[in-house]
Amino acid sequence: MSSAGQANEAGSVFRRDAAVYFAVYALIGKPIAPLNQTARVQRLDFETTDPTDDIVLSLDDGTKAFISAKNHVDAGKSFKETVAGWIAQVEEGMGPNDLLGLTFGSCAGWVRDLADGLRRLRLGQEISRTAELSALQKLDALVPEGHRDEIRQRARYGAYLRIRDKRGYDGDVRGTTFWSYRGGYEAGNFRLVKHAPCVGRGRARN
C-alpha cells in the first residue's frame, strides 16, 4: 500500500474510533463536559453533506457540533483542510450555539497552545504567552478577517485519550473527546485517565 493509502486507512480507523467514543457518551447519557457541560449527544451522523462532515453530533439542547477527525494534525494539509471546512460551514449558516470541532490521534505541540489560547479568549482573558499568540496566528492566517471572531468562539480541539474500565481493563481505546481543563471525570463504567501528549510528529504515545 502506498504512503497515501496508509494515511487514508489510518484516518479511517481514527474516525471510526472517535465515533465509537462519542457513541459511548450517547448510550450512557452523559454530556461531554468540555464540549457542552449539560447537553447530551442525541444523534451521530457520519460523512454528511455538510462542509465539516466527518462526524456531526446533534445534542439534546438543539445544538450541533461539526467535527473534523484527523489521525495527526500539524500545520499541513489536515489542518488547512479542516479550517477550510470550518469557513465553509460558517458561510453556509450555523445555529447560534453550534460548534466546530477538530479531534485527532496526535498533534504538533502548537495545536495544544492554540486550544489553550482559544479557551482564554472564550473566557474573556488576555493571551500573553508567546506560544499561544504564535499558534493563534497560524489559525488566523487561514481565516478571512470577517470570520475570525466567530471561528475563534466556535472552535474546539480534541486529543486522544486512554480509558480505564472500572472492572480493571486498561485498554488502549483510540477514543477521543475534547480537552478537559478540569482533569478526569467519571463517565458510566469508564474513567478518563489521561491525555496523550502532543508531539512533533508520529502517533500519540502512552
C-alpha atoms as a PDB file:
ATOM      1  CA  MET A   1       0.000   0.000   0.000  1.00  0.00           C
ATOM      2  CA  SER A   2       1.295   3.496  -0.829  1.00  0.00           C
ATOM      3  CA  SER A   3       2.062   6.022   1.907  1.00  0.00           C
ATOM      4  CA  ALA A   4      -1.038   7.983   0.864  1.00  0.00           C
ATOM      5  CA  GLY A   5      -3.132   4.836   1.112  1.00  0.00           C
ATOM      6  CA  GLN A   6      -1.719   4.053   4.552  1.00  0.00           C
ATOM      7  CA  ALA A   7      -2.515   7.579   5.721  1.00  0.00           C
ATOM      8  CA  ASN A   8      -6.085   7.296   4.426  1.00  0.00           C
ATOM      9  CA  GLU A   9      -6.510   3.936   6.162  1.00  0.00           C
ATOM     10  CA  ALA A  10      -5.176   5.320   9.461  1.00  0.00           C
ATOM     11  CA  GLY A  11      -7.549   8.271   9.159  1.00  0.00           C
ATOM     12  CA  SER A  12     -10.499   5.967   8.567  1.00  0.00           C
ATOM     13  CA  VAL A  13      -9.638   3.894  11.627  1.00  0.00           C
ATOM     14  CA  PHE A  14      -9.345   7.006  13.755  1.00  0.00           C
ATOM     15  CA  ARG A  15     -12.684   8.378  12.550  1.00  0.00           C
ATOM     16  CA  ARG A  16     -14.315   5.061  13.409  1.00  0.00           C
ATOM     17  CA  ASP A  17     -12.823   5.001  16.901  1.00  0.00           C
ATOM     18  CA  ALA A  18     -13.713   8.640  17.514  1.00  0.00           C
ATOM     19  CA  ALA A  19     -17.301   7.843  16.568  1.00  0.00           C
ATOM     20  CA  VAL A  20     -17.335   4.882  18.957  1.00  0.00           C
ATOM     21  CA  TYR A  21     -16.204   7.110  21.800  1.00  0.00           C
ATOM     22  CA  PHE A  22     -18.917   9.675  21.138  1.00  0.00           C
ATOM     23  CA  ALA A  23     -21.449   6.851  20.858  1.00  0.00           C
ATOM     24  CA  VAL A  24     -20.460   5.614  24.329  1.00  0.00           C
ATOM     25  CA  TYR A  25     -21.404   9.009  25.741  1.00  0.00           C
ATOM     26  CA  ALA A  26     -24.686   8.934  23.863  1.00  0.00           C
ATOM     27  CA  LEU A  27     -25.525   5.466  25.211  1.00  0.00           C
ATOM     28  CA  ILE A  28     -24.717   6.261  28.851  1.00  0.00           C
ATOM     29  CA  GLY A  29     -26.500   9.612  28.675  1.00  0.00           C
ATOM     30  CA  LYS A  30     -23.599  11.725  29.902  1.00  0.00           C
ATOM     31  CA  PRO A  31     -22.582  15.122  28.482  1.00  0.00           C
ATOM     32  CA  ILE A  32     -19.107  15.501  27.023  1.00  0.00           C
ATOM     33  CA  ALA A  33     -18.259  18.166  29.558  1.00  0.00           C
ATOM     34  CA  PRO A  34     -15.560  20.171  27.733  1.00  0.00           C
ATOM     35  CA  LEU A  35     -17.803  20.298  24.669  1.00  0.00           C
ATOM     36  CA  ASN A  36     -21.004  21.166  26.492  1.00  0.00           C
ATOM     37  CA  GLN A  37     -21.453  21.000  30.266  1.00  0.00           C
ATOM     38  CA  THR A  38     -25.094  19.919  30.196  1.00  0.00           C
ATOM     39  CA  ALA A  39     -26.230  18.823  26.738  1.00  0.00           C
ATOM     40  CA  ARG A  40     -26.020  15.140  25.825  1.00  0.00           C
ATOM     41  CA  VAL A  41     -25.299  13.545  22.480  1.00  0.00           C
ATOM     42  CA  GLN A  42     -28.608  12.541  20.951  1.00  0.00           C
ATOM     43  CA  ARG A  43     -27.573  11.583  17.426  1.00  0.00           C
ATOM     44  CA  LEU A  44     -24.385  10.911  15.445  1.00  0.00           C
ATOM     45  CA  ASP A  45     -24.122  11.315  11.683  1.00  0.00           C
ATOM     46  CA  PHE A  46     -21.120  10.425   9.531  1.00  0.00           C
ATOM     47  CA  GLU A  47     -19.808  11.640   6.183  1.00  0.00           C
ATOM     48  CA  THR A  48     -22.675  14.087   5.820  1.00  0.00           C
ATOM     49  CA  THR A  49     -23.186  16.688   3.094  1.00  0.00           C
ATOM     50  CA  ASP A  50     -22.005  19.443   5.476  1.00  0.00           C
ATOM     51  CA  PRO A  51     -18.688  21.199   4.736  1.00  0.00           C
ATOM     52  CA  THR A  52     -17.319  19.760   8.005  1.00  0.00           C
ATOM     53  CA  ASP A  53     -18.657  16.275   7.582  1.00  0.00           C
ATOM     54  CA  ASP A  54     -16.615  13.556   9.332  1.00  0.00           C
ATOM     55  CA  ILE A  55     -18.865  13.426  12.397  1.00  0.00           C
ATOM     56  CA  VAL A  56     -21.856  15.622  13.219  1.00  0.00           C
ATOM     57  CA  LEU A  57     -23.110  15.426  16.800  1.00  0.00           C
ATOM     58  CA  SER A  58     -26.683  16.513  17.497  1.00  0.00           C
ATOM     59  CA  LEU A  59     -27.113  17.456  21.161  1.00  0.00           C
ATOM     60  CA  ASP A  60     -30.320  17.325  23.134  1.00  0.00           C
ATOM     61  CA  ASP A  61     -30.429  21.123  23.544  1.00  0.00           C
ATOM     62  CA  GLY A  62     -30.839  21.509  19.776  1.00  0.00           C
ATOM     63  CA  THR A  63     -27.239  22.464  19.013  1.00  0.00           C
ATOM     64  CA  LYS A  64     -24.820  20.629  16.734  1.00  0.00           C
ATOM     65  CA  ALA A  65     -21.075  20.050  16.734  1.00  0.00           C
ATOM     66  CA  PHE A  66     -19.468  19.648  13.313  1.00  0.00           C
ATOM     67  CA  ILE A  67     -16.360  17.527  13.822  1.00  0.00           C
ATOM     68  CA  SER A  68     -13.321  17.007  11.619  1.00  0.00           C
ATOM     69  CA  ALA A  69     -11.457  13.837  12.701  1.00  0.00           C
ATOM     70  CA  LYS A  70      -7.783  13.519  11.766  1.00  0.00           C
ATOM     71  CA  ASN A  71      -5.194  10.930  12.730  1.00  0.00           C
ATOM     72  CA  HIS A  72      -2.438  13.557  13.075  1.00  0.00           C
ATOM     73  CA  VAL A  73      -2.568  17.355  12.975  1.00  0.00           C
ATOM     74  CA  ASP A  74       0.261  19.763  12.227  1.00  0.00           C
ATOM     75  CA  ALA A  75       0.406  22.908  10.102  1.00  0.00           C
ATOM     76  CA  GLY A  76      -0.006  20.923   6.906  1.00  0.00           C
ATOM     77  CA  LYS A  77      -2.820  19.506   4.831  1.00  0.00           C
ATOM     78  CA  SER A  78      -5.022  18.113   7.624  1.00  0.00           C
ATOM     79  CA  PHE A  79      -5.198  21.431   9.479  1.00  0.00           C
ATOM     80  CA  LYS A  80      -5.687  23.513   6.331  1.00  0.00           C
ATOM     81  CA  GLU A  81      -8.477  21.227   5.099  1.00  0.00           C
ATOM     82  CA  THR A  82     -10.190  21.386   8.481  1.00  0.00           C
ATOM     83  CA  VAL A  83     -10.096  25.193   8.667  1.00  0.00           C
ATOM     84  CA  ALA A  84     -11.339  25.463   5.080  1.00  0.00           C
ATOM     85  CA  GLY A  85     -14.273  23.245   6.070  1.00  0.00           C
ATOM     86  CA  TRP A  86     -14.972  25.430   9.093  1.00  0.00           C
ATOM     87  CA  ILE A  87     -15.047  28.559   6.942  1.00  0.00           C
ATOM     88  CA  ALA A  88     -17.465  26.921   4.510  1.00  0.00           C
ATOM     89  CA  GLN A  89     -19.602  25.736   7.432  1.00  0.00           C
ATOM     90  CA  VAL A  90     -19.855  29.271   8.823  1.00  0.00           C
ATOM     91  CA  GLU A  91     -20.703  30.664   5.397  1.00  0.00           C
ATOM     92  CA  GLU A  92     -23.396  28.029   4.884  1.00  0.00           C
ATOM     93  CA  GLY A  93     -25.028  29.039   8.169  1.00  0.00           C
ATOM     94  CA  MET A  94     -24.945  27.646  11.701  1.00  0.00           C
ATOM     95  CA  GLY A  95     -27.141  27.812  14.767  1.00  0.00           C
ATOM     96  CA  PRO A  96     -26.153  30.455  17.348  1.00  0.00           C
ATOM     97  CA  ASN A  97     -24.572  27.891  19.687  1.00  0.00           C
ATOM     98  CA  ASP A  98     -23.334  25.302  17.183  1.00  0.00           C
ATOM     99  CA  LEU A  99     -19.676  24.284  17.472  1.00  0.00           C
ATOM    100  CA  LEU A 100     -16.823  23.471  15.123  1.00  0.00           C
ATOM    101  CA  GLY A 101     -14.526  20.651  16.221  1.00  0.00           C
ATOM    102  CA  LEU A 102     -11.191  19.101  15.352  1.00  0.00           C
ATOM    103  CA  THR A 103     -10.340  15.816  17.029  1.00  0.00           C
ATOM    104  CA  PHE A 104      -7.164  13.846  16.431  1.00  0.00           C
ATOM    105  CA  GLY A 105      -4.930  10.997  17.486  1.00  0.00           C
ATOM    106  CA  SER A 106      -1.766  13.089  17.781  1.00  0.00           C
ATOM    107  CA  CYS A 107      -0.698  16.642  17.081  1.00  0.00           C
ATOM    108  CA  ALA A 108       2.155  19.104  16.803  1.00  0.00           C
ATOM    109  CA  GLY A 109       2.807  20.884  20.099  1.00  0.00           C
ATOM    110  CA  TRP A 110       1.484  24.241  18.901  1.00  0.00           C
ATOM    111  CA  VAL A 111      -2.006  22.765  18.474  1.00  0.00           C
ATOM    112  CA  ARG A 112      -2.299  22.420  22.255  1.00  0.00           C
ATOM    113  CA  ASP A 113      -1.133  26.022  22.600  1.00  0.00           C
ATOM    114  CA  LEU A 114      -3.865  27.029  20.151  1.00  0.00           C
ATOM    115  CA  ALA A 115      -6.514  25.218  22.190  1.00  0.00           C
ATOM    116  CA  ASP A 116      -5.308  26.956  25.364  1.00  0.00           C
ATOM    117  CA  GLY A 117      -5.309  30.345  23.665  1.00  0.00           C
ATOM    118  CA  LEU A 118      -8.826  29.929  22.291  1.00  0.00           C
ATOM    119  CA  ARG A 119     -10.071  28.858  25.703  1.00  0.00           C
ATOM    120  CA  ARG A 120      -8.671  32.049  27.204  1.00  0.00           C
ATOM    121  CA  LEU A 121     -10.414  34.128  24.541  1.00  0.00           C
ATOM    122  CA  ARG A 122     -13.749  32.427  25.248  1.00  0.00           C
ATOM    123  CA  LEU A 123     -13.306  33.254  28.943  1.00  0.00           C
ATOM    124  CA  GLY A 124     -12.554  36.885  28.119  1.00  0.00           C
ATOM    125  CA  GLN A 125      -8.928  36.594  29.201  1.00  0.00           C
ATOM    126  CA  GLU A 126      -5.921  38.211  27.550  1.00  0.00           C
ATOM    127  CA  ILE A 127      -3.454  35.997  25.719  1.00  0.00           C
ATOM    128  CA  SER A 128       0.073  36.762  26.897  1.00  0.00           C
ATOM    129  CA  ARG A 129       2.035  33.567  26.225  1.00  0.00           C
ATOM    130  CA  THR A 130       4.140  33.843  23.079  1.00  0.00           C
ATOM    131  CA  ALA A 131       3.415  30.219  22.127  1.00  0.00           C
ATOM    132  CA  GLU A 132      -0.338  30.802  22.263  1.00  0.00           C
ATOM    133  CA  LEU A 133      -0.100  34.017  20.245  1.00  0.00           C
ATOM    134  CA  SER A 134       2.022  32.260  17.627  1.00  0.00           C
ATOM    135  CA  ALA A 135      -0.434  29.361  17.424  1.00  0.00           C
ATOM    136  CA  LEU A 136      -3.374  31.733  17.052  1.00  0.00           C
ATOM    137  CA  GLN A 137      -1.604  33.431  14.156  1.00  0.00           C
ATOM    138  CA  LYS A 138      -1.420  30.066  12.362  1.00  0.00           C
ATOM    139  CA  LEU A 139      -5.205  29.795  12.587  1.00  0.00           C
ATOM    140  CA  ASP A 140      -5.899  33.429  11.704  1.00  0.00           C
ATOM    141  CA  ALA A 141      -3.667  33.229   8.630  1.00  0.00           C
ATOM    142  CA  LEU A 142      -6.116  30.722   7.109  1.00  0.00           C
ATOM    143  CA  VAL A 143      -9.336  32.537   8.043  1.00  0.00           C
ATOM    144  CA  PRO A 144     -10.793  35.631   6.352  1.00  0.00           C
ATOM    145  CA  GLU A 145     -10.885  38.536   8.776  1.00  0.00           C
ATOM    146  CA  GLY A 146     -14.678  38.676   8.729  1.00  0.00           C
ATOM    147  CA  HIS A 147     -14.938  35.116  10.093  1.00  0.00           C
ATOM    148  CA  ARG A 148     -12.088  35.121  12.627  1.00  0.00           C
ATOM    149  CA  ASP A 149     -14.026  36.071  15.744  1.00  0.00           C
ATOM    150  CA  GLU A 150     -16.790  33.563  15.026  1.00  0.00           C
ATOM    151  CA  ILE A 151     -14.412  30.681  14.372  1.00  0.00           C
ATOM    152  CA  ARG A 152     -12.369  31.526  17.454  1.00  0.00           C
ATOM    153  CA  GLN A 153     -15.530  31.278  19.559  1.00  0.00           C
ATOM    154  CA  ARG A 154     -16.914  28.120  17.994  1.00  0.00           C
ATOM    155  CA  ALA A 155     -13.719  26.078  17.602  1.00  0.00           C
ATOM    156  CA  ARG A 156     -12.898  23.178  19.933  1.00  0.00           C
ATOM    157  CA  TYR A 157      -9.856  20.924  19.730  1.00  0.00           C
ATOM    158  CA  GLY A 158      -9.635  17.369  20.965  1.00  0.00           C
ATOM    159  CA  ALA A 159      -6.964  14.833  21.872  1.00  0.00           C
ATOM    160  CA  TYR A 160      -6.563  11.082  22.068  1.00  0.00           C
ATOM    161  CA  LEU A 161      -7.325   9.606  25.485  1.00  0.00           C
ATOM    162  CA  ARG A 162      -6.849   6.278  27.189  1.00  0.00           C
ATOM    163  CA  ILE A 163      -9.811   4.970  29.134  1.00  0.00           C
ATOM    164  CA  ARG A 164      -9.845   2.547  32.010  1.00  0.00           C
ATOM    165  CA  ASP A 165     -12.686   0.188  32.764  1.00  0.00           C
ATOM    166  CA  LYS A 166     -13.547   0.267  36.495  1.00  0.00           C
ATOM    167  CA  ARG A 167     -13.510  -3.524  36.463  1.00  0.00           C
ATOM    168  CA  GLY A 168      -9.805  -3.476  35.734  1.00  0.00           C
ATOM    169  CA  TYR A 169      -9.400  -3.450  31.976  1.00  0.00           C
ATOM    170  CA  ASP A 170      -6.865  -0.829  30.961  1.00  0.00           C
ATOM    171  CA  GLY A 171      -7.491  -0.605  27.252  1.00  0.00           C
ATOM    172  CA  ASP A 172      -5.716   1.428  24.659  1.00  0.00           C
ATOM    173  CA  VAL A 173      -9.006   2.556  23.198  1.00  0.00           C
ATOM    174  CA  ARG A 174      -8.499   5.072  20.424  1.00  0.00           C
ATOM    175  CA  GLY A 175     -11.444   7.112  21.569  1.00  0.00           C
ATOM    176  CA  THR A 176     -11.431  10.845  21.655  1.00  0.00           C
ATOM    177  CA  THR A 177     -13.062  13.676  23.484  1.00  0.00           C
ATOM    178  CA  PHE A 178     -12.448  17.370  23.727  1.00  0.00           C
ATOM    179  CA  TRP A 179      -9.741  18.651  26.018  1.00  0.00           C
ATOM    180  CA  SER A 180     -10.850  18.839  29.623  1.00  0.00           C
ATOM    181  CA  TYR A 181      -9.208  21.616  31.602  1.00  0.00           C
ATOM    182  CA  ARG A 182     -10.650  20.284  34.874  1.00  0.00           C
ATOM    183  CA  GLY A 183      -8.955  16.920  34.863  1.00  0.00           C
ATOM    184  CA  GLY A 184     -10.552  13.492  34.889  1.00  0.00           C
ATOM    185  CA  TYR A 185     -14.214  12.788  35.422  1.00  0.00           C
ATOM    186  CA  GLU A 186     -16.498   9.814  35.627  1.00  0.00           C
ATOM    187  CA  ALA A 187     -18.476   8.586  32.655  1.00  0.00           C
ATOM    188  CA  GLY A 188     -20.535   5.479  33.292  1.00  0.00           C
ATOM    189  CA  ASN A 189     -18.263   2.445  33.619  1.00  0.00           C
ATOM    190  CA  PHE A 190     -15.285   4.321  32.246  1.00  0.00           C
ATOM    191  CA  ARG A 191     -12.872   6.729  33.876  1.00  0.00           C
ATOM    192  CA  LEU A 192     -10.887   9.050  31.649  1.00  0.00           C
ATOM    193  CA  VAL A 193      -7.281   8.556  32.656  1.00  0.00           C
ATOM    194  CA  LYS A 194      -5.003  10.913  30.804  1.00  0.00           C
ATOM    195  CA  HIS A 195      -4.356  12.858  27.654  1.00  0.00           C
ATOM    196  CA  ALA A 196      -1.808  11.528  25.248  1.00  0.00           C
ATOM    197  CA  PRO A 197       0.988  14.021  24.615  1.00  0.00           C
ATOM    198  CA  CYS A 198       1.020  16.178  21.535  1.00  0.00           C
ATOM    199  CA  VAL A 199       4.276  15.535  19.729  1.00  0.00           C
ATOM    200  CA  GLY A 200       6.135  16.987  16.811  1.00  0.00           C
ATOM    201  CA  ARG A 201       5.367  14.065  14.522  1.00  0.00           C
ATOM    202  CA  GLY A 202       4.177  10.497  14.643  1.00  0.00           C
ATOM    203  CA  ARG A 203       1.305   8.976  16.568  1.00  0.00           C
ATOM    204  CA  ALA A 204       0.216   9.579  20.133  1.00  0.00           C
ATOM    205  CA  ARG A 205       2.254   7.704  22.684  1.00  0.00           C
ATOM    206  CA  ASN A 206       1.172   6.261  26.028  1.00  0.00           C
END
